[in-house]
Amino acid sequence: MKAKAKPLPDRSADAFVDAGEAAGFRIVAQAGVVPEEIELKKKMAAHQGHLATLANGPERKEAMAELARLELQYNIAREARQKFMRR
């Protein structure tokens, strides 16, 4: 009996990542460490999903402010990594 082949993971976002960065991310992932940038990206995606469920009002406004804060943190982390990689 043959084992079923598993589909490859969706890495369509990697098309826009520098090959060196992609290799670095893979090495870090294999070590069991998740970079801050990736954690923030996951939090942003979850928060966007939550934001989509909210109606207009103070709760939505607060959620939008939190999403903006997460996006700012993400951009700072990404820029710091890019500066480090250019050294």
C-alpha atoms as a PDB file:
ATOM      1  CA  MET A   1       0.000   0.000   0.000  1.00  0.00           C
ATOM      2  CA  LYS A   2       1.375   3.392  -1.005  1.00  0.00           C
ATOM      3  CA  ALA A   3       1.425   6.309   1.415  1.00  0.00           C
ATOM      4  CA  LYS A   4      -0.426   9.359   0.215  1.00  0.00           C
ATOM      5  CA  ALA A   5       1.768  12.277  -0.704  1.00  0.00           C
ATOM      6  CA  LYS A   6       1.269  15.422   1.319  1.00  0.00           C
ATOM      7  CA  PRO A   7       0.818  18.742  -0.491  1.00  0.00           C
ATOM      8  CA  LEU A   8       3.676  21.191  -0.309  1.00  0.00           C
ATOM      9  CA  PRO A   9       3.230  24.055   2.147  1.00  0.00           C
ATOM     10  CA  ASP A  10       1.921  27.279   0.637  1.00  0.00           C
ATOM     11  CA  ARG A  11       4.925  29.543   0.350  1.00  0.00           C
ATOM     12  CA  SER A  12       3.558  31.987  -2.198  1.00  0.00           C
ATOM     13  CA  ALA A  13       4.598  34.899   0.036  1.00  0.00           C
ATOM     14  CA  ASP A  14       8.230  33.737  -0.279  1.00  0.00           C
ATOM     15  CA  ALA A  15       8.221  34.935  -3.886  1.00  0.00           C
ATOM     16  CA  PHE A  16       8.598  38.466  -2.546  1.00  0.00           C
ATOM     17  CA  VAL A  17      11.314  37.625   0.011  1.00  0.00           C
ATOM     18  CA  ASP A  18      15.014  37.859  -0.743  1.00  0.00           C
ATOM     19  CA  ALA A  19      16.608  34.401  -1.024  1.00  0.00           C
ATOM     20  CA  GLY A  20      19.022  35.199   1.807  1.00  0.00           C
ATOM     21  CA  GLU A  21      16.198  36.295   4.088  1.00  0.00           C
ATOM     22  CA  ALA A  22      14.162  33.204   3.233  1.00  0.00           C
ATOM     23  CA  ALA A  23      17.132  30.975   4.099  1.00  0.00           C
ATOM     24  CA  GLY A  24      17.607  32.854   7.361  1.00  0.00           C
ATOM     25  CA  PHE A  25      13.935  32.455   8.261  1.00  0.00           C
ATOM     26  CA  ARG A  26      14.124  28.713   7.530  1.00  0.00           C
ATOM     27  CA  ILE A  27      17.224  28.269   9.706  1.00  0.00           C
ATOM     28  CA  VAL A  28      15.583  30.148  12.565  1.00  0.00           C
ATOM     29  CA  ALA A  29      12.376  28.121  12.170  1.00  0.00           C
ATOM     30  CA  GLN A  30      14.301  24.837  12.196  1.00  0.00           C
ATOM     31  CA  ALA A  31      15.942  25.974  15.435  1.00  0.00           C
ATOM     32  CA  GLY A  32      12.476  26.357  16.919  1.00  0.00           C
ATOM     33  CA  VAL A  33      12.661  30.135  17.226  1.00  0.00           C
ATOM     34  CA  VAL A  34      10.060  32.480  15.781  1.00  0.00           C
ATOM     35  CA  PRO A  35      11.318  35.965  14.894  1.00  0.00           C
ATOM     36  CA  GLU A  36       9.412  38.899  16.391  1.00  0.00           C
ATOM     37  CA  GLU A  37       8.506  40.018  12.877  1.00  0.00           C
ATOM     38  CA  ILE A  38       6.691  36.754  12.149  1.00  0.00           C
ATOM     39  CA  GLU A  39       4.878  36.752  15.506  1.00  0.00           C
ATOM     40  CA  LEU A  40       3.667  40.290  14.851  1.00  0.00           C
ATOM     41  CA  LYS A  41       2.482  39.302  11.381  1.00  0.00           C
ATOM     42  CA  LYS A  42       0.406  36.472  12.884  1.00  0.00           C
ATOM     43  CA  LYS A  43      -1.048  38.814  15.512  1.00  0.00           C
ATOM     44  CA  MET A  44      -1.950  41.349  12.806  1.00  0.00           C
ATOM     45  CA  ALA A  45      -3.753  38.710  10.755  1.00  0.00           C
ATOM     46  CA  ALA A  46      -5.721  37.516  13.786  1.00  0.00           C
ATOM     47  CA  HIS A  47      -6.555  41.076  14.755  1.00  0.00           C
ATOM     48  CA  GLN A  48      -7.749  41.879  11.216  1.00  0.00           C
ATOM     49  CA  GLY A  49     -10.110  38.911  11.430  1.00  0.00           C
ATOM     50  CA  HIS A  50     -11.427  40.138  14.771  1.00  0.00           C
ATOM     51  CA  LEU A  51     -11.797  43.668  13.414  1.00  0.00           C
ATOM     52  CA  ALA A  52     -13.934  42.382  10.538  1.00  0.00           C
ATOM     53  CA  THR A  53     -16.480  41.047  13.034  1.00  0.00           C
ATOM     54  CA  LEU A  54     -16.950  44.352  14.834  1.00  0.00           C
ATOM     55  CA  ALA A  55     -19.607  46.922  14.008  1.00  0.00           C
ATOM     56  CA  ASN A  56     -18.844  50.629  14.056  1.00  0.00           C
ATOM     57  CA  GLY A  57     -18.467  51.958  17.544  1.00  0.00           C
ATOM     58  CA  PRO A  58     -15.946  52.455  20.327  1.00  0.00           C
ATOM     59  CA  GLU A  59     -14.874  48.787  20.357  1.00  0.00           C
ATOM     60  CA  ARG A  60     -14.063  48.892  16.628  1.00  0.00           C
ATOM     61  CA  LYS A  61     -12.194  52.168  17.042  1.00  0.00           C
ATOM     62  CA  GLU A  62     -10.113  50.633  19.837  1.00  0.00           C
ATOM     63  CA  ALA A  63      -9.419  47.546  17.706  1.00  0.00           C
ATOM     64  CA  MET A  64      -8.310  49.743  14.795  1.00  0.00           C
ATOM     65  CA  ALA A  65      -5.894  51.582  17.102  1.00  0.00           C
ATOM     66  CA  GLU A  66      -4.477  48.247  18.277  1.00  0.00           C
ATOM     67  CA  LEU A  67      -4.029  47.083  14.682  1.00  0.00           C
ATOM     68  CA  ALA A  68      -2.197  50.326  13.860  1.00  0.00           C
ATOM     69  CA  ARG A  69       0.076  49.754  16.884  1.00  0.00           C
ATOM     70  CA  LEU A  70       0.838  46.199  15.741  1.00  0.00           C
ATOM     71  CA  GLU A  71       1.584  47.399  12.202  1.00  0.00           C
ATOM     72  CA  LEU A  72       3.976  50.018  13.566  1.00  0.00           C
ATOM     73  CA  GLN A  73       5.774  47.407  15.692  1.00  0.00           C
ATOM     74  CA  TYR A  74       5.961  45.089  12.667  1.00  0.00           C
ATOM     75  CA  ASN A  75       7.457  47.789  10.452  1.00  0.00           C
ATOM     76  CA  ILE A  76      10.019  48.709  13.126  1.00  0.00           C
ATOM     77  CA  ALA A  77      11.045  45.046  13.552  1.00  0.00           C
ATOM     78  CA  ARG A  78      11.284  44.534   9.791  1.00  0.00           C
ATOM     79  CA  GLU A  79      13.365  47.676   9.310  1.00  0.00           C
ATOM     80  CA  ALA A  80      15.709  46.678  12.146  1.00  0.00           C
ATOM     81  CA  ARG A  81      16.232  43.249  10.559  1.00  0.00           C
ATOM     82  CA  GLN A  82      16.891  44.801   7.149  1.00  0.00           C
ATOM     83  CA  LYS A  83      19.463  47.201   8.613  1.00  0.00           C
ATOM     84  CA  PHE A  84      21.152  44.314  10.407  1.00  0.00           C
ATOM     85  CA  MET A  85      21.280  42.228   7.217  1.00  0.00           C
ATOM     86  CA  ARG A  86      22.918  45.082   5.264  1.00  0.00           C
ATOM     87  CA  ARG A  87      25.955  45.147   7.577  1.00  0.00           C
END
